[in-house]
Amino acid sequence: MKTIQRFSDEYLESCQDMTADQIIEFLDDFRRLHGNQPAASKLISLKVPTHLLSAFKTKAAIANTPYQTQIKTLMKAWVLESTDAETG
């Protein structure tokens, strides 16, 4: 049985002023509270010039970070930066 979450009108109104960072933090906290299940991922195909991918993988390896993790980190930072610029 799935849980139904109900929010008061007052709470929903207060959420309208949340920043992108606050929303992501809320969603991460909610996920952790409900079984620590990772967010669903979508497999994508992306064409990248070979020399760029090679350089990216090398730099990620030097930083001891899996290159796909680094791509996701950069995507998240860009989305947050773009959202903050729009609201700020």
N, C-alpha and C. Protein backbone atom coordinates (compact mmCIF):
# COMPACT_ATOMS: atom_id res chain seq x y z
N MET A 1 0.84 -1.18 0.00
CA MET A 1 0.00 0.00 0.00
C MET A 1 0.88 1.24 0.00
N LYS A 2 0.60 2.17 -0.90
CA LYS A 2 1.38 3.39 -0.98
C LYS A 2 0.82 4.44 -0.03
N THR A 3 1.74 5.21 0.55
CA THR A 3 1.34 6.27 1.45
C THR A 3 0.92 7.50 0.65
N ILE A 4 -0.13 8.15 1.10
CA ILE A 4 -0.58 9.39 0.47
C ILE A 4 -0.14 10.55 1.36
N GLN A 5 0.61 11.46 0.77
CA GLN A 5 1.09 12.63 1.52
C GLN A 5 0.12 13.77 1.28
N ARG A 6 -0.36 14.36 2.36
CA ARG A 6 -1.27 15.50 2.25
C ARG A 6 -0.60 16.74 2.83
N PHE A 7 -0.75 17.86 2.12
CA PHE A 7 -0.14 19.11 2.55
C PHE A 7 -1.22 20.16 2.72
N SER A 8 -1.06 21.00 3.73
CA SER A 8 -2.02 22.08 3.95
C SER A 8 -1.78 23.18 2.91
N ASP A 9 -2.79 23.98 2.68
CA ASP A 9 -2.64 25.11 1.76
C ASP A 9 -1.56 26.07 2.24
N GLU A 10 -1.48 26.24 3.55
CA GLU A 10 -0.46 27.13 4.14
C GLU A 10 0.95 26.60 3.84
N TYR A 11 1.14 25.31 4.00
CA TYR A 11 2.45 24.71 3.73
C TYR A 11 2.81 24.85 2.25
N LEU A 12 1.86 24.56 1.37
CA LEU A 12 2.12 24.67 -0.06
C LEU A 12 2.46 26.09 -0.47
N GLU A 13 1.81 27.06 0.15
CA GLU A 13 2.10 28.47 -0.13
C GLU A 13 3.53 28.81 0.30
N SER A 14 3.95 28.30 1.46
CA SER A 14 5.31 28.59 1.93
C SER A 14 6.37 27.94 1.03
N CYS A 15 6.01 26.86 0.35
CA CYS A 15 6.96 26.17 -0.54
C CYS A 15 7.22 26.94 -1.83
N GLN A 16 6.35 27.84 -2.18
CA GLN A 16 6.51 28.58 -3.43
C GLN A 16 7.76 29.45 -3.44
N ASP A 17 8.28 29.79 -2.27
CA ASP A 17 9.46 30.64 -2.19
C ASP A 17 10.76 29.85 -2.04
N MET A 18 10.68 28.53 -2.17
CA MET A 18 11.88 27.70 -2.00
C MET A 18 12.82 27.87 -3.20
N THR A 19 14.12 27.87 -2.91
CA THR A 19 15.11 27.92 -3.98
C THR A 19 15.30 26.52 -4.55
N ALA A 20 15.98 26.42 -5.67
CA ALA A 20 16.25 25.12 -6.27
C ALA A 20 17.05 24.24 -5.31
N ASP A 21 18.01 24.82 -4.61
CA ASP A 21 18.80 24.06 -3.64
C ASP A 21 17.91 23.50 -2.53
N GLN A 22 16.99 24.31 -2.04
CA GLN A 22 16.08 23.85 -0.98
C GLN A 22 15.17 22.73 -1.47
N ILE A 23 14.72 22.84 -2.70
CA ILE A 23 13.86 21.80 -3.27
C ILE A 23 14.63 20.49 -3.40
N ILE A 24 15.85 20.57 -3.91
CA ILE A 24 16.66 19.36 -4.07
C ILE A 24 16.99 18.75 -2.71
N GLU A 25 17.30 19.59 -1.73
CA GLU A 25 17.56 19.09 -0.38
C GLU A 25 16.32 18.39 0.19
N PHE A 26 15.15 19.00 -0.01
CA PHE A 26 13.91 18.40 0.47
C PHE A 26 13.69 17.04 -0.18
N LEU A 27 13.88 16.97 -1.51
CA LEU A 27 13.67 15.71 -2.22
C LEU A 27 14.67 14.64 -1.78
N ASP A 28 15.92 15.04 -1.56
CA ASP A 28 16.92 14.09 -1.07
C ASP A 28 16.56 13.58 0.32
N ASP A 29 16.13 14.49 1.19
CA ASP A 29 15.72 14.09 2.55
C ASP A 29 14.51 13.15 2.49
N PHE A 30 13.56 13.48 1.63
CA PHE A 30 12.36 12.65 1.48
C PHE A 30 12.75 11.25 1.01
N ARG A 31 13.65 11.19 0.04
CA ARG A 31 14.11 9.89 -0.47
C ARG A 31 14.79 9.08 0.62
N ARG A 32 15.63 9.74 1.42
CA ARG A 32 16.33 9.03 2.50
C ARG A 32 15.34 8.52 3.55
N LEU A 33 14.31 9.29 3.82
CA LEU A 33 13.32 8.88 4.81
C LEU A 33 12.48 7.70 4.34
N HIS A 34 12.38 7.52 3.05
CA HIS A 34 11.52 6.48 2.51
C HIS A 34 12.32 5.35 1.87
N GLY A 35 13.25 4.80 2.65
CA GLY A 35 13.95 3.60 2.21
C GLY A 35 15.26 3.83 1.51
N ASN A 36 15.71 5.06 1.43
CA ASN A 36 17.01 5.36 0.82
C ASN A 36 17.13 4.75 -0.57
N GLN A 37 16.03 4.77 -1.31
CA GLN A 37 16.07 4.25 -2.66
C GLN A 37 16.61 5.32 -3.59
N PRO A 38 17.57 4.95 -4.45
CA PRO A 38 18.12 5.96 -5.36
C PRO A 38 17.07 6.42 -6.37
N ALA A 39 17.22 7.64 -6.80
CA ALA A 39 16.31 8.17 -7.81
C ALA A 39 16.48 7.37 -9.09
N ALA A 40 15.40 7.22 -9.81
CA ALA A 40 15.46 6.49 -11.07
C ALA A 40 16.40 7.20 -12.04
N SER A 41 17.13 6.43 -12.80
CA SER A 41 18.04 6.98 -13.79
C SER A 41 17.57 6.61 -15.18
N LYS A 42 17.95 7.42 -16.13
CA LYS A 42 17.58 7.20 -17.53
C LYS A 42 18.85 7.03 -18.34
N LEU A 43 18.94 5.93 -19.05
CA LEU A 43 20.07 5.68 -19.93
C LEU A 43 19.94 6.56 -21.16
N ILE A 44 21.01 7.32 -21.48
CA ILE A 44 20.98 8.19 -22.65
C ILE A 44 22.16 7.86 -23.55
N SER A 45 22.06 8.31 -24.77
CA SER A 45 23.15 8.17 -25.72
C SER A 45 23.59 9.58 -26.08
N LEU A 46 24.89 9.81 -26.06
CA LEU A 46 25.41 11.15 -26.28
C LEU A 46 26.66 11.07 -27.12
N LYS A 47 26.69 11.77 -28.23
CA LYS A 47 27.90 11.79 -29.06
C LYS A 47 28.82 12.89 -28.56
N VAL A 48 30.05 12.50 -28.26
CA VAL A 48 31.06 13.43 -27.76
C VAL A 48 32.32 13.22 -28.59
N PRO A 49 32.98 14.29 -29.01
CA PRO A 49 34.23 14.10 -29.75
C PRO A 49 35.20 13.23 -28.95
N THR A 50 35.86 12.30 -29.63
CA THR A 50 36.74 11.33 -28.98
C THR A 50 37.81 12.00 -28.13
N HIS A 51 38.44 13.04 -28.65
CA HIS A 51 39.51 13.70 -27.90
C HIS A 51 38.98 14.36 -26.62
N LEU A 52 37.76 14.91 -26.69
CA LEU A 52 37.16 15.54 -25.51
C LEU A 52 36.83 14.50 -24.45
N LEU A 53 36.23 13.38 -24.87
CA LEU A 53 35.90 12.32 -23.92
C LEU A 53 37.16 11.74 -23.28
N SER A 54 38.19 11.55 -24.07
CA SER A 54 39.45 11.01 -23.55
C SER A 54 40.05 11.96 -22.51
N ALA A 55 40.07 13.25 -22.83
CA ALA A 55 40.61 14.23 -21.88
C ALA A 55 39.76 14.28 -20.61
N PHE A 56 38.43 14.21 -20.77
CA PHE A 56 37.54 14.24 -19.62
C PHE A 56 37.76 13.03 -18.72
N LYS A 57 37.87 11.85 -19.33
CA LYS A 57 38.11 10.63 -18.55
C LYS A 57 39.44 10.70 -17.82
N THR A 58 40.47 11.23 -18.47
CA THR A 58 41.78 11.36 -17.84
C THR A 58 41.72 12.30 -16.65
N LYS A 59 41.08 13.45 -16.84
CA LYS A 59 40.97 14.42 -15.74
C LYS A 59 40.16 13.84 -14.58
N ALA A 60 39.08 13.11 -14.88
CA ALA A 60 38.28 12.48 -13.84
C ALA A 60 39.10 11.43 -13.09
N ALA A 61 39.90 10.66 -13.82
CA ALA A 61 40.74 9.64 -13.18
C ALA A 61 41.76 10.28 -12.25
N ILE A 62 42.34 11.39 -12.68
CA ILE A 62 43.31 12.10 -11.83
C ILE A 62 42.62 12.59 -10.55
N ALA A 63 41.37 13.00 -10.67
CA ALA A 63 40.60 13.47 -9.50
C ALA A 63 40.00 12.30 -8.72
N ASN A 64 40.27 11.07 -9.17
CA ASN A 64 39.76 9.86 -8.52
C ASN A 64 38.23 9.85 -8.46
N THR A 65 37.61 10.29 -9.58
CA THR A 65 36.16 10.35 -9.69
C THR A 65 35.73 9.61 -10.95
N PRO A 66 34.76 8.72 -10.87
CA PRO A 66 34.25 8.10 -12.09
C PRO A 66 33.74 9.18 -13.05
N TYR A 67 34.10 9.06 -14.31
CA TYR A 67 33.77 10.14 -15.24
C TYR A 67 32.27 10.36 -15.40
N GLN A 68 31.46 9.29 -15.35
CA GLN A 68 30.01 9.47 -15.47
C GLN A 68 29.45 10.20 -14.25
N THR A 69 30.01 9.93 -13.09
CA THR A 69 29.61 10.65 -11.88
C THR A 69 29.93 12.13 -12.02
N GLN A 70 31.09 12.42 -12.59
CA GLN A 70 31.50 13.82 -12.79
C GLN A 70 30.56 14.51 -13.79
N ILE A 71 30.15 13.81 -14.82
CA ILE A 71 29.19 14.39 -15.78
C ILE A 71 27.90 14.76 -15.06
N LYS A 72 27.39 13.85 -14.20
CA LYS A 72 26.15 14.13 -13.47
C LYS A 72 26.34 15.29 -12.49
N THR A 73 27.50 15.37 -11.87
CA THR A 73 27.80 16.47 -10.95
C THR A 73 27.78 17.80 -11.69
N LEU A 74 28.39 17.83 -12.86
CA LEU A 74 28.41 19.06 -13.67
C LEU A 74 27.00 19.43 -14.14
N MET A 75 26.21 18.43 -14.52
CA MET A 75 24.84 18.70 -14.96
C MET A 75 24.02 19.30 -13.82
N LYS A 76 24.14 18.72 -12.64
CA LYS A 76 23.38 19.22 -11.49
C LYS A 76 23.80 20.65 -11.15
N ALA A 77 25.11 20.91 -11.16
CA ALA A 77 25.61 22.26 -10.85
C ALA A 77 25.10 23.27 -11.87
N TRP A 78 25.07 22.88 -13.14
CA TRP A 78 24.61 23.78 -14.18
C TRP A 78 23.12 24.08 -14.03
N VAL A 79 22.34 23.05 -13.73
CA VAL A 79 20.90 23.25 -13.54
C VAL A 79 20.64 24.16 -12.35
N LEU A 80 21.34 23.92 -11.24
CA LEU A 80 21.15 24.76 -10.06
C LEU A 80 21.59 26.19 -10.34
N GLU A 81 22.70 26.35 -11.02
CA GLU A 81 23.20 27.69 -11.35
C GLU A 81 22.21 28.42 -12.25
N SER A 82 21.67 27.75 -13.24
CA SER A 82 20.71 28.36 -14.16
C SER A 82 19.43 28.73 -13.44
N THR A 83 18.96 27.84 -12.55
CA THR A 83 17.73 28.09 -11.81
C THR A 83 17.90 29.24 -10.84
N ASP A 84 19.05 29.27 -10.13
CA ASP A 84 19.30 30.35 -9.19
C ASP A 84 19.41 31.69 -9.90
N ALA A 85 20.00 31.73 -11.11
CA ALA A 85 20.13 32.96 -11.86
C ALA A 85 18.76 33.48 -12.28
N GLU A 86 17.84 32.56 -12.59
CA GLU A 86 16.50 32.95 -13.02
C GLU A 86 15.68 33.50 -11.87
N THR A 87 15.88 32.93 -10.66
CA THR A 87 15.08 33.35 -9.50
C THR A 87 15.74 34.46 -8.72
N GLY A 88 17.03 34.70 -8.93
CA GLY A 88 17.76 35.66 -8.12
C GLY A 88 17.87 36.99 -8.67
